[in-house]
Amino acid sequence: MMPFKQDYGKVINTLYFPLLILCIFSLLPWTKFYLARIGSRWLHIMISSFLISFSLTPIFRHIAVILKILDIPDSRKLHREPTPLLGGASLLIGFYIALLINGIFCPELCIIMAVSFIIFLSGLIDDIRGLSASTKLIIQILGCIILILSGITLRVVPIFLGLFSTISNAIITIIWIVGITNAMNFFDGMDGLAGGLGIILSFFLGYVAFETSQPFLGWISVSMLGACAGFLPFNFMWKRNASIFLGDSGSTFIGFTLATIAVYGHWSETSAVVSLVSPILIFWVLIFDMVHITVERILSGKVKSFKEWIDYVGKDHLHHRLARALGGNKNAVIFIYSLTICLGINSMVLRGATSFEALLLIIQSMLIVLIVTILERKANGSVN
């Protein structure tokens, strides 16, 4: 069985070999040196991660079929045929190699890469043989603790409060990273959704990073952008179903890495409020969905304990509700892309904003998702 079968579509088949050759050229030292010399190191990182991810995705699809690492359809899933689950592996390799061959090294990055790899492995075990939600949560919390002990932590509570500040900031960091990681995993429920969101979120994180003179974080962001873009053509085809999924390994890897980038960065040179609000706006769709389903499940009595909350699986996420309201999964995916871009643009505007203007932007973002919620609930018959 060839890894680039006809079911990928004629365009993908046509492009595969030319892009594979370009991938080889992108890994040659002179390509890297030339782009670095003209000030386009970021471009080499993004192109390399894209080409590596694109080239490896069909191969990992083939491996997944042979090893029977497949997502089997059931009553709560949207796909109708067994689908390979190793898409996250090609994405991870593209992301790592693009950074490593460009010499993007520092102790913090090594720790982020090591912990994110652990998160990937736990997701891979879940894809292959199943892993309880509580076990995955414990692994994610332990990963956050490693990051915090390495100095990668939010500093929301002022440091002059001493031990209270240290403990509070650690708890907020864990809630942020674990929350975003699992929110991204929840959004991996429709073709192209998690991969596309990975591209959009990475773009805005990269833009703000470069604008705030943090090229290191910008390089990490564009590497994730390229890796997600290389995977997406096999996962989001307008007239076909996905030929491969990210799996829990891929979606949690994307969410954990991007959430950690947000923690590691300083998103404003002048205002602590702007620095805090900027990543919130970028990740607003993920945050909103997590808060919405939590509140609704508690108020409706669907969950009555923390264990029930982490074990609960349902079709009440934003993309499920929008699919019913808009009459199709792909319509819902495009809508969520657009909503995320809209909110991300607000984060770009924040760079020169005052604290009051930052407050207005976050109120505007809340109103946008409130309007969307009212409309989609009305369309679903939840509002009379």
Protein backbone atom coordinates (compact mmCIF):
# COMPACT_ATOMS: atom_id res chain seq x y z
CA MET A 1 0.00 0.00 0.00
CA MET A 2 1.45 3.35 -1.02
CA PRO A 3 1.31 6.13 1.62
CA PHE A 4 -0.14 8.64 -0.85
CA LYS A 5 -3.25 6.81 -1.98
CA GLN A 6 -5.78 8.28 -4.38
CA ASP A 7 -8.28 8.98 -1.60
CA TYR A 8 -6.18 11.93 -0.51
CA GLY A 9 -7.43 13.77 -3.55
CA LYS A 10 -5.84 14.52 -6.88
CA VAL A 11 -4.32 17.81 -5.76
CA ILE A 12 -2.57 16.28 -2.75
CA ASN A 13 -1.27 13.43 -4.89
CA THR A 14 0.07 15.85 -7.49
CA LEU A 15 1.80 18.03 -4.91
CA TYR A 16 3.26 15.30 -2.73
CA PHE A 17 6.47 14.47 -4.63
CA PRO A 18 7.38 18.08 -5.55
CA LEU A 19 6.93 19.12 -1.92
CA LEU A 20 8.90 16.11 -0.75
CA ILE A 21 11.82 17.26 -2.93
CA LEU A 22 11.45 20.80 -1.56
CA CYS A 23 11.50 19.34 1.94
CA ILE A 24 14.88 17.75 1.26
CA PHE A 25 16.24 21.04 -0.11
CA SER A 26 14.91 22.95 2.90
CA LEU A 27 16.98 20.76 5.20
CA LEU A 28 20.24 21.56 3.41
CA PRO A 29 22.53 23.93 5.36
CA TRP A 30 22.84 26.51 2.56
CA THR A 31 19.05 27.06 2.52
CA LYS A 32 19.03 27.83 6.22
CA PHE A 33 22.10 30.09 6.02
CA TYR A 34 20.76 32.05 3.04
CA LEU A 35 17.36 32.79 4.62
CA ALA A 36 19.01 33.66 7.95
CA ARG A 37 21.38 36.06 6.19
CA ILE A 38 18.51 37.99 4.57
CA GLY A 39 16.65 38.20 7.88
CA SER A 40 14.12 35.47 7.14
CA ARG A 41 15.03 32.85 9.69
CA TRP A 42 11.38 32.67 10.67
CA LEU A 43 10.49 31.81 7.07
CA HIS A 44 12.90 28.87 6.98
CA ILE A 45 11.50 27.55 10.25
CA MET A 46 7.92 27.80 9.02
CA ILE A 47 8.64 26.30 5.58
CA SER A 48 10.71 23.46 7.05
CA SER A 49 8.09 22.51 9.62
CA PHE A 50 5.37 22.65 6.95
CA LEU A 51 7.26 20.49 4.44
CA ILE A 52 8.37 17.92 7.04
CA SER A 53 4.88 17.61 8.46
CA PHE A 54 3.31 17.42 4.99
CA SER A 55 5.79 14.77 3.82
CA LEU A 56 5.45 12.58 6.91
CA THR A 57 1.68 12.66 7.36
CA PRO A 58 0.87 10.10 4.59
CA ILE A 59 3.64 7.86 5.90
CA PHE A 60 2.25 7.91 9.44
CA ARG A 61 -1.20 7.29 8.01
CA HIS A 62 0.18 4.16 6.40
CA ILE A 63 1.87 3.10 9.66
CA ALA A 64 -1.35 3.68 11.61
CA VAL A 65 -3.30 1.47 9.19
CA ILE A 66 -0.71 -1.33 9.47
CA LEU A 67 -0.58 -1.12 13.29
CA LYS A 68 -4.37 -0.66 13.48
CA ILE A 69 -4.08 2.59 15.43
CA LEU A 70 -7.49 3.72 14.31
CA ASP A 71 -10.37 5.80 15.61
CA ILE A 72 -13.33 3.43 15.48
CA PRO A 73 -16.73 5.10 14.95
CA ASP A 74 -19.34 4.97 17.71
CA SER A 75 -22.55 6.77 18.64
CA ARG A 76 -20.82 9.91 19.98
CA LYS A 77 -18.39 10.35 17.06
CA LEU A 78 -19.05 12.12 13.77
CA HIS A 79 -17.04 9.99 11.35
CA ARG A 80 -18.46 6.80 9.85
CA GLU A 81 -15.37 4.71 9.06
CA PRO A 82 -12.19 3.75 10.95
CA THR A 83 -9.64 6.55 10.57
CA PRO A 84 -5.87 6.51 11.32
CA LEU A 85 -4.81 8.42 14.44
CA LEU A 86 -1.08 9.17 14.05
CA GLY A 87 -1.35 12.64 12.49
CA GLY A 88 0.09 14.20 15.63
CA ALA A 89 3.36 12.32 15.14
CA SER A 90 4.18 14.00 11.80
CA LEU A 91 3.23 17.37 13.25
CA LEU A 92 5.44 16.90 16.31
CA ILE A 93 8.46 15.83 14.24
CA GLY A 94 8.06 18.77 11.86
CA PHE A 95 7.80 21.18 14.78
CA TYR A 96 10.87 19.80 16.58
CA ILE A 97 13.18 19.39 13.58
CA ALA A 98 12.48 22.87 12.19
CA LEU A 99 13.57 24.38 15.51
CA LEU A 100 16.56 22.11 16.06
CA ILE A 101 18.14 22.56 12.62
CA ASN A 102 17.87 26.33 13.10
CA GLY A 103 19.69 26.18 16.41
CA ILE A 104 16.75 27.43 18.48
CA PHE A 105 18.06 26.37 21.88
CA CYS A 106 17.72 27.54 25.45
CA PRO A 107 17.13 25.66 28.73
CA GLU A 108 13.47 26.71 28.87
CA LEU A 109 12.77 25.49 25.33
CA CYS A 110 14.41 22.14 26.05
CA ILE A 111 12.15 21.76 29.08
CA ILE A 112 9.05 22.78 27.08
CA MET A 113 9.94 20.27 24.34
CA ALA A 114 10.60 17.49 26.85
CA VAL A 115 7.36 18.04 28.77
CA SER A 116 5.28 18.47 25.61
CA PHE A 117 6.72 15.17 24.36
CA ILE A 118 5.53 13.50 27.57
CA ILE A 119 2.07 14.96 26.95
CA PHE A 120 2.24 13.60 23.40
CA LEU A 121 3.21 10.13 24.64
CA SER A 122 0.35 10.03 27.15
CA GLY A 123 -2.04 10.96 24.34
CA LEU A 124 -0.51 8.29 22.10
CA ILE A 125 -1.05 5.64 24.77
CA ASP A 126 -4.65 6.82 25.01
CA ASP A 127 -5.03 6.54 21.22
CA ILE A 128 -3.60 3.02 21.16
CA ARG A 129 -5.00 1.32 24.25
CA GLY A 130 -6.99 3.89 26.19
CA LEU A 131 -6.07 5.94 29.24
CA SER A 132 -8.43 7.20 31.92
CA ALA A 133 -9.23 10.91 32.01
CA SER A 134 -7.93 11.16 35.58
CA THR A 135 -4.58 9.62 34.60
CA LYS A 136 -4.18 12.04 31.69
CA LEU A 137 -5.07 14.94 33.98
CA ILE A 138 -2.46 13.88 36.55
CA ILE A 139 0.22 13.67 33.83
CA GLN A 140 -0.71 17.14 32.58
CA ILE A 141 -0.56 18.61 36.10
CA LEU A 142 2.83 16.99 36.72
CA GLY A 143 4.05 18.45 33.43
CA CYS A 144 2.89 21.90 34.57
CA ILE A 145 4.72 21.49 37.87
CA ILE A 146 7.94 20.72 35.99
CA LEU A 147 7.47 23.91 33.96
CA ILE A 148 6.77 25.97 37.10
CA LEU A 149 9.86 24.62 38.89
CA SER A 150 11.83 25.63 35.79
CA GLY A 151 10.61 29.21 36.08
CA ILE A 152 7.91 29.05 33.39
CA THR A 153 4.96 30.46 35.29
CA LEU A 154 2.36 33.20 35.12
CA ARG A 155 2.92 36.23 37.33
CA VAL A 156 -0.60 37.51 37.83
CA VAL A 157 -0.48 37.89 41.62
CA PRO A 158 2.15 40.51 42.69
CA ILE A 159 5.40 38.96 43.93
CA PHE A 160 5.53 41.17 47.05
CA LEU A 161 2.86 38.91 48.57
CA GLY A 162 5.53 36.26 49.01
CA LEU A 163 4.48 32.64 49.43
CA PHE A 164 0.83 33.46 48.68
CA SER A 165 1.93 34.92 45.35
CA THR A 166 4.05 31.88 44.49
CA ILE A 167 1.28 29.39 45.27
CA SER A 168 -1.46 31.46 43.59
CA ASN A 169 0.54 31.99 40.40
CA ALA A 170 1.38 28.28 40.27
CA ILE A 171 -2.30 27.34 40.57
CA ILE A 172 -3.32 29.87 37.89
CA THR A 173 -0.56 28.52 35.60
CA ILE A 174 -1.78 24.94 36.02
CA ILE A 175 -5.41 25.93 35.39
CA TRP A 176 -4.40 27.88 32.27
CA ILE A 177 -2.21 25.20 30.68
CA VAL A 178 -4.39 22.22 31.60
CA GLY A 179 -7.53 24.12 30.57
CA ILE A 180 -6.19 25.14 27.14
CA THR A 181 -4.71 21.67 26.56
CA ASN A 182 -8.03 19.93 27.14
CA ALA A 183 -10.06 22.60 25.36
CA MET A 184 -7.96 22.00 22.23
CA ASN A 185 -8.52 18.27 22.66
CA PHE A 186 -12.28 18.86 22.87
CA PHE A 187 -12.14 20.87 19.63
CA ASP A 188 -10.56 17.93 17.84
CA GLY A 189 -14.05 16.63 17.15
CA MET A 190 -14.48 17.77 13.54
CA ASP A 191 -12.30 17.52 10.47
CA GLY A 192 -9.82 20.36 10.33
CA LEU A 193 -10.93 22.12 13.51
CA ALA A 194 -8.02 21.55 15.92
CA GLY A 195 -5.39 21.73 13.17
CA GLY A 196 -6.86 24.93 11.74
CA LEU A 197 -7.11 26.51 15.20
CA GLY A 198 -3.47 25.55 15.76
CA ILE A 199 -2.54 27.57 12.66
CA ILE A 200 -4.61 30.61 13.67
CA LEU A 201 -3.51 30.67 17.32
CA SER A 202 0.14 30.20 16.32
CA PHE A 203 -0.12 33.07 13.85
CA PHE A 204 -1.39 35.54 16.43
CA LEU A 205 1.04 34.38 19.09
CA GLY A 206 3.87 34.74 16.58
CA TYR A 207 2.72 38.17 15.44
CA VAL A 208 2.51 39.55 18.96
CA ALA A 209 5.84 37.90 19.87
CA PHE A 210 7.69 39.56 16.99
CA GLU A 211 5.95 42.89 17.63
CA THR A 212 7.05 42.80 21.28
CA SER A 213 10.67 41.95 20.36
CA GLN A 214 10.49 38.30 21.38
CA PRO A 215 11.82 36.59 18.23
CA PHE A 216 12.56 33.38 20.14
CA LEU A 217 8.86 32.90 20.94
CA GLY A 218 8.00 34.00 17.41
CA TRP A 219 10.18 31.25 15.96
CA ILE A 220 8.49 28.63 18.17
CA SER A 221 5.06 29.90 17.11
CA VAL A 222 5.78 29.84 13.37
CA SER A 223 7.22 26.34 13.71
CA MET A 224 3.90 25.19 15.18
CA LEU A 225 2.04 27.13 12.47
CA GLY A 226 3.97 25.38 9.70
CA ALA A 227 3.60 21.94 11.28
CA CYS A 228 -0.18 22.34 11.63
CA ALA A 229 -0.43 23.66 8.05
CA GLY A 230 1.45 20.62 6.74
CA PHE A 231 -0.99 18.28 8.44
CA LEU A 232 -4.22 20.14 7.60
CA PRO A 233 -4.55 19.19 3.87
CA PHE A 234 -4.96 15.54 4.90
CA ASN A 235 -7.43 16.36 7.68
CA PHE A 236 -9.68 19.00 6.10
CA MET A 237 -10.96 18.39 2.57
CA TRP A 238 -14.18 20.08 1.52
CA LYS A 239 -15.67 17.19 -0.48
CA ARG A 240 -14.03 14.30 1.40
CA ASN A 241 -13.72 13.11 4.95
CA ALA A 242 -10.39 13.35 6.74
CA SER A 243 -7.93 10.61 5.82
CA ILE A 244 -6.11 10.92 9.16
CA PHE A 245 -6.79 12.43 12.59
CA LEU A 246 -4.49 14.20 15.03
CA GLY A 247 -5.53 11.85 17.80
CA ASP A 248 -5.36 12.84 21.47
CA SER A 249 -1.58 12.80 21.10
CA GLY A 250 -1.62 15.57 18.48
CA SER A 251 -4.39 17.77 19.86
CA THR A 252 -3.04 17.79 23.43
CA PHE A 253 0.48 18.41 22.12
CA ILE A 254 -0.71 21.49 20.20
CA GLY A 255 -2.77 22.81 23.10
CA PHE A 256 -0.09 22.22 25.74
CA THR A 257 2.68 23.78 23.65
CA LEU A 258 0.72 26.89 22.66
CA ALA A 259 -0.58 27.40 26.20
CA THR A 260 3.00 27.18 27.49
CA ILE A 261 4.21 29.72 24.91
CA ALA A 262 1.56 32.11 26.23
CA VAL A 263 2.83 31.61 29.78
CA TYR A 264 6.48 32.03 28.81
CA GLY A 265 5.99 35.26 26.86
CA HIS A 266 5.64 38.88 27.91
CA TRP A 267 2.89 40.28 25.74
CA SER A 268 3.27 43.98 26.42
CA GLU A 269 6.26 46.20 27.07
CA THR A 270 4.23 48.89 28.84
CA SER A 271 1.12 47.46 30.54
CA ALA A 272 0.63 44.42 32.78
CA VAL A 273 -3.10 44.46 31.97
CA VAL A 274 -2.43 44.36 28.22
CA SER A 275 0.11 41.58 28.74
CA LEU A 276 -2.52 39.52 30.54
CA VAL A 277 -5.42 40.28 28.18
CA SER A 278 -3.55 39.63 24.90
CA PRO A 279 -3.25 35.81 25.22
CA ILE A 280 -6.77 35.64 26.68
CA LEU A 281 -8.15 37.22 23.50
CA ILE A 282 -6.11 34.87 21.29
CA PHE A 283 -7.42 31.78 23.11
CA TRP A 284 -10.88 33.24 23.80
CA VAL A 285 -12.86 30.68 21.79
CA LEU A 286 -11.22 27.79 23.68
CA ILE A 287 -11.73 29.50 27.03
CA PHE A 288 -15.35 30.33 26.27
CA ASP A 289 -16.20 26.76 25.24
CA MET A 290 -14.61 25.29 28.38
CA VAL A 291 -16.45 27.72 30.67
CA HIS A 292 -19.74 27.34 28.80
CA ILE A 293 -19.92 23.55 28.89
CA THR A 294 -18.78 23.46 32.53
CA VAL A 295 -21.48 25.87 33.69
CA GLU A 296 -24.20 24.26 31.57
CA ARG A 297 -23.36 20.70 32.65
CA ILE A 298 -23.39 21.69 36.31
CA LEU A 299 -26.63 23.70 36.10
CA SER A 300 -28.37 20.95 34.11
CA GLY A 301 -27.26 18.29 36.57
CA LYS A 302 -25.31 16.33 33.96
CA VAL A 303 -22.27 16.34 36.24
CA LYS A 304 -22.34 16.41 40.05
CA SER A 305 -18.69 15.87 40.94
CA PHE A 306 -15.23 16.66 39.65
CA LYS A 307 -14.71 13.06 38.54
CA GLU A 308 -17.97 13.12 36.57
CA TRP A 309 -16.87 16.40 34.99
CA ILE A 310 -13.54 15.06 33.69
CA ASP A 311 -15.12 11.78 32.54
CA TYR A 312 -18.15 13.33 30.81
CA VAL A 313 -18.28 13.06 27.03
CA GLY A 314 -21.02 14.78 25.08
CA LYS A 315 -21.98 16.66 21.94
CA ASP A 316 -22.57 19.99 23.65
CA HIS A 317 -19.36 21.77 22.61
CA LEU A 318 -19.43 24.94 20.53
CA HIS A 319 -18.64 23.13 17.27
CA HIS A 320 -21.45 20.60 17.85
CA ARG A 321 -23.97 23.35 18.56
CA LEU A 322 -22.85 25.42 15.58
CA ALA A 323 -23.00 22.40 13.28
CA ARG A 324 -26.64 21.90 14.19
CA ALA A 325 -27.35 25.62 13.83
CA LEU A 326 -25.49 26.08 10.52
CA GLY A 327 -26.50 22.81 8.91
CA GLY A 328 -23.11 21.11 8.61
CA ASN A 329 -19.76 20.36 10.20
CA LYS A 330 -17.65 22.23 7.68
CA ASN A 331 -19.80 25.34 8.03
CA ALA A 332 -19.22 25.18 11.78
CA VAL A 333 -15.46 24.81 11.31
CA ILE A 334 -15.25 27.83 8.99
CA PHE A 335 -17.38 29.85 11.40
CA ILE A 336 -15.09 29.01 14.34
CA TYR A 337 -12.04 29.88 12.24
CA SER A 338 -13.60 33.27 11.48
CA LEU A 339 -14.57 33.90 15.10
CA THR A 340 -11.07 33.06 16.30
CA ILE A 341 -9.49 35.36 13.70
CA CYS A 342 -11.87 38.14 14.70
CA LEU A 343 -10.86 37.86 18.35
CA GLY A 344 -7.19 37.44 17.44
CA ILE A 345 -7.25 40.73 15.56
CA ASN A 346 -8.26 42.36 18.84
CA SER A 347 -5.03 41.05 20.36
CA MET A 348 -3.08 42.74 17.56
CA VAL A 349 -4.79 46.05 18.34
CA LEU A 350 -3.84 45.69 22.01
CA ARG A 351 -0.16 46.50 21.45
CA GLY A 352 -0.75 50.25 21.66
CA ALA A 353 -3.80 50.10 23.92
CA THR A 354 -4.20 51.60 27.38
CA SER A 355 -5.52 49.51 30.27
CA PHE A 356 -8.97 51.00 29.74
CA GLU A 357 -8.89 50.19 26.01
CA ALA A 358 -7.79 46.63 26.85
CA LEU A 359 -10.83 46.34 29.13
CA LEU A 360 -13.08 47.54 26.31
CA LEU A 361 -11.61 44.97 23.92
CA ILE A 362 -12.22 42.08 26.29
CA ILE A 363 -15.80 43.31 26.92
CA GLN A 364 -16.28 43.43 23.15
CA SER A 365 -14.98 39.86 22.87
CA MET A 366 -17.39 38.72 25.57
CA LEU A 367 -20.28 40.38 23.74
CA ILE A 368 -19.28 38.73 20.45
CA VAL A 369 -19.40 35.22 21.92
CA LEU A 370 -22.59 36.12 23.82
CA ILE A 371 -24.27 37.09 20.54
CA VAL A 372 -23.04 33.90 18.90
CA THR A 373 -24.31 31.84 21.84
CA ILE A 374 -27.76 33.42 21.76
CA LEU A 375 -28.09 32.84 18.03
CA GLU A 376 -26.87 29.25 18.02
CA ARG A 377 -29.00 28.32 21.04
CA LYS A 378 -32.02 29.88 19.36
CA ALA A 379 -31.29 27.89 16.21
CA ASN A 380 -30.98 24.73 18.29
CA GLY A 381 -34.28 25.41 20.01
CA SER A 382 -32.71 25.99 23.44
CA VAL A 383 -34.02 29.53 23.76
CA ASN A 384 -37.71 30.35 23.56
